[in-house]
């Protein structure tokens, strides 16, 4: 997809210099992935304190075995 946008040049250069990407296409794809990931994380965070878990934490920890993480 081809899109033309008028960007703040200083802001763009500052952001691009922070990125390991070498092309503008790769840079914008990285930005879009980051944007989506941040919004997905926000959706998960919005569930905090709203979910109920019915289980035995001691049993779960015991099944995992010593030294496991």
PDB file of N, CA and C in Angstrom:
ATOM      1  N   UNK A   1       0.841  -1.165   0.000  1.00  0.00           N
ATOM      2  CA  UNK A   1       0.000   0.000   0.000  1.00  0.00           C
ATOM      3  C   UNK A   1       0.896   1.241   0.000  1.00  0.00           C
ATOM      4  N   UNK A   2       0.564   2.184  -0.813  1.00  0.00           N
ATOM      5  CA  UNK A   2       1.323   3.428  -0.878  1.00  0.00           C
ATOM      6  C   UNK A   2       0.513   4.521  -0.198  1.00  0.00           C
ATOM      7  N   UNK A   3       1.158   5.228   0.723  1.00  0.00           N
ATOM      8  CA  UNK A   3       0.513   6.329   1.434  1.00  0.00           C
ATOM      9  C   UNK A   3       1.486   7.486   1.524  1.00  0.00           C
ATOM     10  N   UNK A   4       0.981   8.683   1.322  1.00  0.00           N
ATOM     11  CA  UNK A   4       1.800   9.874   1.425  1.00  0.00           C
ATOM     12  C   UNK A   4       1.296  10.698   2.599  1.00  0.00           C
ATOM     13  N   UNK A   5       2.216  11.053   3.505  1.00  0.00           N
ATOM     14  CA  UNK A   5       1.836  11.855   4.666  1.00  0.00           C
ATOM     15  C   UNK A   5       2.864  12.958   4.884  1.00  0.00           C
ATOM     16  N   UNK A   6       2.396  14.040   5.472  1.00  0.00           N
ATOM     17  CA  UNK A   6       3.277  15.160   5.797  1.00  0.00           C
ATOM     18  C   UNK A   6       3.640  15.040   7.272  1.00  0.00           C
ATOM     19  N   UNK A   7       4.909  14.741   7.569  1.00  0.00           N
ATOM     20  CA  UNK A   7       5.357  14.495   8.934  1.00  0.00           C
ATOM     21  C   UNK A   7       6.254  15.611   9.435  1.00  0.00           C
ATOM     22  N   UNK A   8       6.297  15.752  10.749  1.00  0.00           N
ATOM     23  CA  UNK A   8       7.251  16.649  11.384  1.00  0.00           C
ATOM     24  C   UNK A   8       8.639  16.034  11.166  1.00  0.00           C
ATOM     25  N   UNK A   9       9.466  16.702  10.387  1.00  0.00           N
ATOM     26  CA  UNK A   9      10.761  16.145   9.990  1.00  0.00           C
ATOM     27  C   UNK A   9      11.651  15.864  11.195  1.00  0.00           C
ATOM     28  N   UNK A  10      11.716  16.781  12.154  1.00  0.00           N
ATOM     29  CA  UNK A  10      12.578  16.573  13.327  1.00  0.00           C
ATOM     30  C   UNK A  10      12.105  15.384  14.157  1.00  0.00           C
ATOM     31  N   UNK A  11      10.807  15.279  14.348  1.00  0.00           N
ATOM     32  CA  UNK A  11      10.258  14.160  15.112  1.00  0.00           C
ATOM     33  C   UNK A  11      10.520  12.841  14.392  1.00  0.00           C
ATOM     34  N   UNK A  12      10.305  12.837  13.083  1.00  0.00           N
ATOM     35  CA  UNK A  12      10.554  11.628  12.303  1.00  0.00           C
ATOM     36  C   UNK A  12      12.014  11.205  12.405  1.00  0.00           C
ATOM     37  N   UNK A  13      12.930  12.121  12.226  1.00  0.00           N
ATOM     38  CA  UNK A  13      14.351  11.788  12.259  1.00  0.00           C
ATOM     39  C   UNK A  13      14.775  11.303  13.647  1.00  0.00           C
ATOM     40  N   UNK A  14      14.243  11.926  14.677  1.00  0.00           N
ATOM     41  CA  UNK A  14      14.563  11.508  16.038  1.00  0.00           C
ATOM     42  C   UNK A  14      14.106  10.060  16.261  1.00  0.00           C
ATOM     43  N   UNK A  15      12.885   9.752  15.852  1.00  0.00           N
ATOM     44  CA  UNK A  15      12.357   8.397  16.008  1.00  0.00           C
ATOM     45  C   UNK A  15      13.115   7.402  15.137  1.00  0.00           C
ATOM     46  N   UNK A  16      13.370   7.769  13.906  1.00  0.00           N
ATOM     47  CA  UNK A  16      14.051   6.854  12.983  1.00  0.00           C
ATOM     48  C   UNK A  16      15.471   6.552  13.473  1.00  0.00           C
ATOM     49  N   UNK A  17      16.135   7.541  14.035  1.00  0.00           N
ATOM     50  CA  UNK A  17      17.486   7.322  14.554  1.00  0.00           C
ATOM     51  C   UNK A  17      17.497   6.381  15.761  1.00  0.00           C
ATOM     52  N   UNK A  18      16.381   6.239  16.442  1.00  0.00           N
ATOM     53  CA  UNK A  18      16.274   5.311  17.564  1.00  0.00           C
ATOM     54  C   UNK A  18      15.987   3.886  17.103  1.00  0.00           C
ATOM     55  N   UNK A  19      15.607   3.738  15.866  1.00  0.00           N
ATOM     56  CA  UNK A  19      15.202   2.442  15.330  1.00  0.00           C
ATOM     57  C   UNK A  19      16.372   1.725  14.652  1.00  0.00           C
ATOM     58  N   UNK A  20      16.395   0.400  14.752  1.00  0.00           N
ATOM     59  CA  UNK A  20      17.437  -0.358  14.053  1.00  0.00           C
ATOM     60  C   UNK A  20      17.146  -0.536  12.560  1.00  0.00           C
ATOM     61  N   UNK A  21      15.987  -0.093  12.102  1.00  0.00           N
ATOM     62  CA  UNK A  21      15.611  -0.283  10.703  1.00  0.00           C
ATOM     63  C   UNK A  21      16.443   0.620   9.792  1.00  0.00           C
ATOM     64  N   UNK A  22      16.573   0.179   8.558  1.00  0.00           N
ATOM     65  CA  UNK A  22      17.378   0.939   7.606  1.00  0.00           C
ATOM     66  C   UNK A  22      16.547   1.522   6.469  1.00  0.00           C
ATOM     67  N   UNK A  23      15.268   1.130   6.408  1.00  0.00           N
ATOM     68  CA  UNK A  23      14.394   1.680   5.369  1.00  0.00           C
ATOM     69  C   UNK A  23      13.162   2.299   6.015  1.00  0.00           C
ATOM     70  N   UNK A  24      12.577   3.251   5.344  1.00  0.00           N
ATOM     71  CA  UNK A  24      11.364   3.879   5.862  1.00  0.00           C
ATOM     72  C   UNK A  24      10.222   2.877   5.943  1.00  0.00           C
ATOM     73  N   UNK A  25      10.152   1.996   4.965  1.00  0.00           N
ATOM     74  CA  UNK A  25       9.095   0.979   4.971  1.00  0.00           C
ATOM     75  C   UNK A  25       9.207   0.111   6.216  1.00  0.00           C
ATOM     76  N   UNK A  26      10.392  -0.378   6.508  1.00  0.00           N
ATOM     77  CA  UNK A  26      10.608  -1.212   7.689  1.00  0.00           C
ATOM     78  C   UNK A  26      10.323  -0.424   8.965  1.00  0.00           C
ATOM     79  N   UNK A  27      10.693   0.840   8.971  1.00  0.00           N
ATOM     80  CA  UNK A  27      10.460   1.700  10.127  1.00  0.00           C
ATOM     81  C   UNK A  27       8.963   1.834  10.408  1.00  0.00           C
ATOM     82  N   UNK A  28       8.176   2.131   9.394  1.00  0.00           N
ATOM     83  CA  UNK A  28       6.743   2.307   9.594  1.00  0.00           C
ATOM     84  C   UNK A  28       6.067   0.984   9.951  1.00  0.00           C
ATOM     85  N   UNK A  29       6.558  -0.131   9.403  1.00  0.00           N
ATOM     86  CA  UNK A  29       6.011  -1.429   9.786  1.00  0.00           C
ATOM     87  C   UNK A  29       6.301  -1.713  11.255  1.00  0.00           C
ATOM     88  N   UNK A  30       7.504  -1.354  11.713  1.00  0.00           N
ATOM     89  CA  UNK A  30       7.853  -1.514  13.122  1.00  0.00           C
ATOM     90  C   UNK A  30       6.925  -0.657  13.996  1.00  0.00           C
ATOM     91  N   UNK A  31       6.684   0.578  13.580  1.00  0.00           N
ATOM     92  CA  UNK A  31       5.794   1.467  14.330  1.00  0.00           C
ATOM     93  C   UNK A  31       4.378   0.912  14.412  1.00  0.00           C
ATOM     94  N   UNK A  32       3.880   0.390  13.305  1.00  0.00           N
ATOM     95  CA  UNK A  32       2.528  -0.159  13.290  1.00  0.00           C
ATOM     96  C   UNK A  32       2.417  -1.379  14.193  1.00  0.00           C
ATOM     97  N   UNK A  33       3.429  -2.264  14.170  1.00  0.00           N
ATOM     98  CA  UNK A  33       3.425  -3.433  15.055  1.00  0.00           C
ATOM     99  C   UNK A  33       3.437  -2.993  16.517  1.00  0.00           C
ATOM    100  N   UNK A  34       4.245  -1.991  16.829  1.00  0.00           N
ATOM    101  CA  UNK A  34       4.319  -1.475  18.194  1.00  0.00           C
ATOM    102  C   UNK A  34       2.976  -0.873  18.619  1.00  0.00           C
ATOM    103  N   UNK A  35       2.361  -0.115  17.755  1.00  0.00           N
ATOM    104  CA  UNK A  35       1.070   0.510  18.037  1.00  0.00           C
ATOM    105  C   UNK A  35       0.010  -0.546  18.347  1.00  0.00           C
ATOM    106  N   UNK A  36      -0.033  -1.584  17.520  1.00  0.00           N
ATOM    107  CA  UNK A  36      -1.006  -2.663  17.727  1.00  0.00           C
ATOM    108  C   UNK A  36      -0.718  -3.379  19.041  1.00  0.00           C
ATOM    109  N   UNK A  37       0.554  -3.695  19.303  1.00  0.00           N
ATOM    110  CA  UNK A  37       0.923  -4.407  20.526  1.00  0.00           C
ATOM    111  C   UNK A  37       0.555  -3.603  21.773  1.00  0.00           C
ATOM    112  N   UNK A  38       0.790  -2.309  21.753  1.00  0.00           N
ATOM    113  CA  UNK A  38       0.447  -1.468  22.898  1.00  0.00           C
ATOM    114  C   UNK A  38      -1.058  -1.462  23.168  1.00  0.00           C
ATOM    115  N   UNK A  39      -1.841  -1.406  22.118  1.00  0.00           N
ATOM    116  CA  UNK A  39      -3.291  -1.404  22.290  1.00  0.00           C
ATOM    117  C   UNK A  39      -3.793  -2.773  22.740  1.00  0.00           C
ATOM    118  N   UNK A  40      -3.172  -3.847  22.269  1.00  0.00           N
ATOM    119  CA  UNK A  40      -3.550  -5.177  22.738  1.00  0.00           C
ATOM    120  C   UNK A  40      -3.211  -5.337  24.219  1.00  0.00           C
ATOM    121  N   UNK A  41      -2.073  -4.812  24.642  1.00  0.00           N
ATOM    122  CA  UNK A  41      -1.703  -4.870  26.053  1.00  0.00           C
ATOM    123  C   UNK A  41      -2.679  -4.073  26.900  1.00  0.00           C
ATOM    124  N   UNK A  42      -3.127  -2.942  26.406  1.00  0.00           N
ATOM    125  CA  UNK A  42      -4.088  -2.125  27.139  1.00  0.00           C
ATOM    126  C   UNK A  42      -5.398  -2.887  27.321  1.00  0.00           C
ATOM    127  N   UNK A  43      -5.799  -3.648  26.313  1.00  0.00           N
ATOM    128  CA  UNK A  43      -7.021  -4.444  26.423  1.00  0.00           C
ATOM    129  C   UNK A  43      -6.871  -5.489  27.522  1.00  0.00           C
ATOM    130  N   UNK A  44      -5.718  -6.125  27.591  1.00  0.00           N
ATOM    131  CA  UNK A  44      -5.470  -7.131  28.625  1.00  0.00           C
ATOM    132  C   UNK A  44      -5.438  -6.463  29.997  1.00  0.00           C
ATOM    133  N   UNK A  45      -4.763  -5.318  30.102  1.00  0.00           N
ATOM    134  CA  UNK A  45      -4.705  -4.605  31.386  1.00  0.00           C
ATOM    135  C   UNK A  45      -6.090  -4.192  31.863  1.00  0.00           C
ATOM    136  N   UNK A  46      -6.989  -3.920  30.953  1.00  0.00           N
ATOM    137  CA  UNK A  46      -8.338  -3.501  31.353  1.00  0.00           C
ATOM    138  C   UNK A  46      -9.084  -4.625  32.061  1.00  0.00           C
ATOM    139  N   UNK A  47      -8.605  -5.859  31.936  1.00  0.00           N
ATOM    140  CA  UNK A  47      -9.233  -7.001  32.606  1.00  0.00           C
ATOM    141  C   UNK A  47      -8.722  -7.203  34.020  1.00  0.00           C
ATOM    142  N   UNK A  48      -7.700  -6.471  34.413  1.00  0.00           N
ATOM    143  CA  UNK A  48      -7.101  -6.644  35.733  1.00  0.00           C
ATOM    144  C   UNK A  48      -8.150  -6.472  36.828  1.00  0.00           C
ATOM    145  N   UNK A  49      -8.217  -7.476  37.695  1.00  0.00           N
ATOM    146  CA  UNK A  49      -9.158  -7.458  38.799  1.00  0.00           C
ATOM    147  C   UNK A  49     -10.571  -7.881  38.427  1.00  0.00           C
ATOM    148  N   UNK A  50     -10.808  -8.206  37.178  1.00  0.00           N
ATOM    149  CA  UNK A  50     -12.151  -8.559  36.729  1.00  0.00           C
ATOM    150  C   UNK A  50     -12.329 -10.056  36.503  1.00  0.00           C
ATOM    151  N   UNK A  51     -11.223 -10.801  36.460  1.00  0.00           N
ATOM    152  CA  UNK A  51     -11.294 -12.232  36.205  1.00  0.00           C
ATOM    153  C   UNK A  51     -11.191 -12.985  37.523  1.00  0.00           C
ATOM    154  N   UNK A  52     -11.913 -14.082  37.606  1.00  0.00           N
ATOM    155  CA  UNK A  52     -11.904 -14.901  38.811  1.00  0.00           C
ATOM    156  C   UNK A  52     -11.252 -16.236  38.468  1.00  0.00           C
ATOM    157  N   UNK A  53     -10.298 -16.636  39.304  1.00  0.00           N
ATOM    158  CA  UNK A  53      -9.635 -17.923  39.111  1.00  0.00           C
ATOM    159  C   UNK A  53      -9.982 -18.811  40.280  1.00  0.00           C
ATOM    160  N   UNK A  54     -10.483 -19.986  39.998  1.00  0.00           N
ATOM    161  CA  UNK A  54     -10.800 -20.967  41.029  1.00  0.00           C
ATOM    162  C   UNK A  54      -9.837 -22.129  40.874  1.00  0.00           C
ATOM    163  N   UNK A  55      -8.827 -22.147  41.687  1.00  0.00           N
ATOM    164  CA  UNK A  55      -7.846 -23.207  41.612  1.00  0.00           C
ATOM    165  C   UNK A  55      -7.044 -23.266  42.891  1.00  0.00           C
ATOM    166  N   UNK A  56      -6.166 -24.233  42.954  1.00  0.00           N
ATOM    167  CA  UNK A  56      -5.315 -24.427  44.120  1.00  0.00           C
ATOM    168  C   UNK A  56      -3.893 -24.062  43.741  1.00  0.00           C
ATOM    169  N   UNK A  57      -3.456 -22.882  44.153  1.00  0.00           N
ATOM    170  CA  UNK A  57      -2.129 -22.402  43.787  1.00  0.00           C
ATOM    171  C   UNK A  57      -1.038 -23.316  44.330  1.00  0.00           C
ATOM    172  N   UNK A  58      -1.218 -23.852  45.518  1.00  0.00           N
ATOM    173  CA  UNK A  58      -0.229 -24.774  46.089  1.00  0.00           C
ATOM    174  C   UNK A  58      -0.095 -26.016  45.222  1.00  0.00           C
ATOM    175  N   UNK A  59      -1.193 -26.515  44.715  1.00  0.00           N
ATOM    176  CA  UNK A  59      -1.161 -27.688  43.847  1.00  0.00           C
ATOM    177  C   UNK A  59      -0.453 -27.371  42.531  1.00  0.00           C
ATOM    178  N   UNK A  60      -0.759 -26.222  41.972  1.00  0.00           N
ATOM    179  CA  UNK A  60      -0.123 -25.821  40.716  1.00  0.00           C
ATOM    180  C   UNK A  60       1.379 -25.687  40.911  1.00  0.00           C
ATOM    181  N   UNK A  61       1.787 -25.071  41.987  1.00  0.00           N
ATOM    182  CA  UNK A  61       3.207 -24.912  42.264  1.00  0.00           C
ATOM    183  C   UNK A  61       3.875 -26.252  42.504  1.00  0.00           C
ATOM    184  N   UNK A  62       3.185 -27.166  43.142  1.00  0.00           N
ATOM    185  CA  UNK A  62       3.736 -28.487  43.393  1.00  0.00           C
ATOM    186  C   UNK A  62       3.910 -29.294  42.125  1.00  0.00           C
ATOM    187  N   UNK A  63       2.995 -29.128  41.179  1.00  0.00           N
ATOM    188  CA  UNK A  63       3.069 -29.864  39.911  1.00  0.00           C
ATOM    189  C   UNK A  63       4.228 -29.396  39.045  1.00  0.00           C
ATOM    190  N   UNK A  64       4.615 -28.172  39.243  1.00  0.00           N
ATOM    191  CA  UNK A  64       5.668 -27.575  38.415  1.00  0.00           C
ATOM    192  C   UNK A  64       7.030 -28.167  38.746  1.00  0.00           C
ATOM    193  N   UNK A  65       7.239 -28.565  39.981  1.00  0.00           N
ATOM    194  CA  UNK A  65       8.510 -29.152  40.376  1.00  0.00           C
ATOM    195  C   UNK A  65       9.457 -28.093  40.933  1.00  0.00           C
ATOM    196  N   UNK A  66      10.382 -28.540  41.734  1.00  0.00           N
ATOM    197  CA  UNK A  66      11.343 -27.633  42.356  1.00  0.00           C
ATOM    198  C   UNK A  66      12.285 -27.038  41.331  1.00  0.00           C
ATOM    199  N   UNK A  67      12.562 -25.772  41.488  1.00  0.00           N
ATOM    200  CA  UNK A  67      13.519 -25.096  40.609  1.00  0.00           C
ATOM    201  C   UNK A  67      12.949 -24.642  39.282  1.00  0.00           C
ATOM    202  N   UNK A  68      11.706 -24.943  38.996  1.00  0.00           N
ATOM    203  CA  UNK A  68      11.101 -24.510  37.734  1.00  0.00           C
ATOM    204  C   UNK A  68      10.591 -23.092  37.850  1.00  0.00           C
ATOM    205  N   UNK A  69      10.574 -22.411  36.725  1.00  0.00           N
ATOM    206  CA  UNK A  69      10.042 -21.049  36.711  1.00  0.00           C
ATOM    207  C   UNK A  69       9.034 -20.928  35.633  1.00  0.00           C
TER     208      UNK A  69
END
